[in-house]
Protein backbone atom coordinates (compact mmCIF):
# COMPACT_ATOMS: atom_id res chain seq x y z
CA MET A 1 -36.55 69.16 27.10
CA ARG A 2 -35.56 72.82 26.78
CA ILE A 3 -33.99 73.67 23.44
CA LEU A 4 -32.30 76.90 22.37
CA HIS A 5 -32.16 77.48 18.61
CA LEU A 6 -29.77 80.21 17.44
CA ILE A 7 -30.13 82.07 14.15
CA HIS A 8 -28.92 85.32 12.58
CA SER A 9 -31.72 86.49 10.35
CA GLU A 10 -32.13 89.25 7.78
CA GLY A 11 -35.80 88.39 7.21
CA VAL A 12 -38.20 85.46 7.10
CA TYR A 13 -36.96 83.11 4.39
CA GLY A 14 -36.36 79.37 4.02
CA ALA A 15 -34.00 78.70 6.93
CA GLU A 16 -36.06 80.87 9.27
CA LEU A 17 -39.29 79.10 8.33
CA ILE A 18 -37.70 75.68 8.84
CA LEU A 19 -36.53 76.76 12.30
CA LEU A 20 -40.01 78.08 13.17
CA TYR A 21 -41.71 74.88 11.97
CA LEU A 22 -39.20 72.78 13.91
CA ALA A 23 -39.63 74.80 17.11
CA ARG A 24 -43.42 74.71 16.81
CA GLU A 25 -43.38 70.94 16.30
CA GLN A 26 -41.10 70.55 19.32
CA GLN A 27 -43.51 72.68 21.35
CA GLN A 28 -46.46 70.53 20.27
CA ARG A 29 -44.55 67.42 21.40
CA GLY A 30 -44.14 68.84 24.89
CA HIS A 31 -40.67 70.34 24.61
CA GLU A 32 -39.80 73.94 25.44
CA PRO A 33 -38.01 75.53 22.47
CA PHE A 34 -36.53 79.03 22.61
CA VAL A 35 -35.54 81.01 19.53
CA GLY A 36 -32.31 82.95 20.00
CA SER A 37 -32.31 85.73 17.41
CA ILE A 38 -28.80 87.10 16.86
CA ARG A 39 -28.53 90.62 15.45
CA ASP A 40 -26.28 93.65 15.72
CA THR A 41 -26.47 95.86 18.78
CA GLY A 42 -29.14 98.54 18.56
CA THR A 43 -31.44 96.41 16.36
CA HIS A 44 -35.09 96.56 17.36
CA GLN A 45 -37.52 93.68 16.94
CA THR A 46 -36.96 92.01 13.59
CA PRO A 47 -39.67 90.63 11.26
CA PHE A 48 -38.44 87.12 12.14
CA GLU A 49 -38.85 87.78 15.87
CA ALA A 50 -42.34 89.18 15.27
CA VAL A 51 -43.36 86.04 13.36
CA ALA A 52 -41.90 83.78 16.07
CA HIS A 53 -43.87 85.70 18.73
CA SER A 54 -47.05 85.44 16.65
CA TRP A 55 -46.53 81.65 16.50
CA GLY A 56 -46.36 81.56 20.30
CA LEU A 57 -42.64 80.81 20.45
CA PRO A 58 -40.48 82.44 23.13
CA VAL A 59 -37.84 84.68 21.54
CA VAL A 60 -34.51 85.59 23.14
CA PRO A 61 -33.13 88.66 21.32
CA ILE A 62 -29.33 88.44 21.35
CA ARG A 63 -27.72 91.71 20.31
CA ILE A 64 -23.99 91.43 19.71
CA ALA A 65 -21.34 93.03 17.50
CA PRO A 66 -20.79 91.30 14.14
CA ARG A 67 -17.17 90.26 14.85
CA PRO A 68 -16.29 87.32 17.15
CA THR A 69 -14.30 89.25 19.74
CA PRO A 70 -13.94 87.92 23.30
CA GLY A 71 -16.65 90.37 24.40
CA VAL A 72 -19.04 89.06 21.76
CA VAL A 73 -18.41 85.47 22.84
CA ARG A 74 -19.03 86.46 26.49
CA SER A 75 -22.32 88.14 25.48
CA LEU A 76 -23.44 85.05 23.62
CA LEU A 77 -22.57 82.77 26.54
CA ARG A 78 -24.35 85.15 28.94
CA ALA A 79 -27.51 84.90 26.79
CA VAL A 80 -27.33 81.09 26.88
CA ARG A 81 -26.85 81.14 30.67
CA ASP A 82 -29.81 83.53 31.05
CA VAL A 83 -32.06 81.12 29.13
CA HIS A 84 -30.75 78.26 31.26
CA ARG A 85 -31.41 80.23 34.45
CA MET A 86 -34.91 81.05 33.20
CA CYS A 87 -35.55 77.33 32.61
CA CYS A 88 -34.37 76.37 36.08
CA THR A 89 -36.46 79.12 37.71
CA ARG A 90 -39.58 77.88 35.92
CA MET A 91 -38.85 74.29 36.94
CA GLY A 92 -38.34 75.31 40.55
CA THR A 93 -34.89 73.74 40.45
CA SER A 94 -32.28 74.88 42.91
CA ARG A 95 -29.31 76.89 41.70
CA THR A 96 -26.99 74.04 42.72
CA SER A 97 -28.88 71.56 40.53
CA CYS A 98 -28.73 73.97 37.61
CA LEU A 99 -24.99 74.44 38.04
CA ASP A 100 -24.50 70.68 38.28
CA SER A 101 -26.40 70.18 35.02
CA CYS A 102 -24.27 72.89 33.38
CA ARG A 103 -21.08 71.18 34.51
CA ALA A 104 -22.41 67.89 33.15
CA GLY A 105 -22.86 69.49 29.72
CA TYR A 106 -26.61 69.91 29.68
CA VAL A 107 -26.77 73.67 29.11
CA ALA A 108 -28.70 73.35 25.87
CA ARG A 109 -30.99 70.74 27.41
CA CYS A 110 -31.43 72.50 30.77
């Protein structure tokens, strides 16, 4: 199963470590977790993203403005769709099958 975890992180503290342990355990059990790291636009790689990379976890940097405007929501949804598209490409699944799974509500599960 493909899983996208989303977090806004200012460092590597308790919640971040729990997410990393969870994602690593999911990876060891044969799942494909992605870590979506939400930060403000213009932010370079964060310490949390560096740790996730060093643990062998795929990181999706999501850079959006701090207020939930319609543009921010569109950016977040675009990032989720990009991860979904990446999953389907790796699986060799046709675009139609991917769209069908999205319509069925399996975006987070790919």
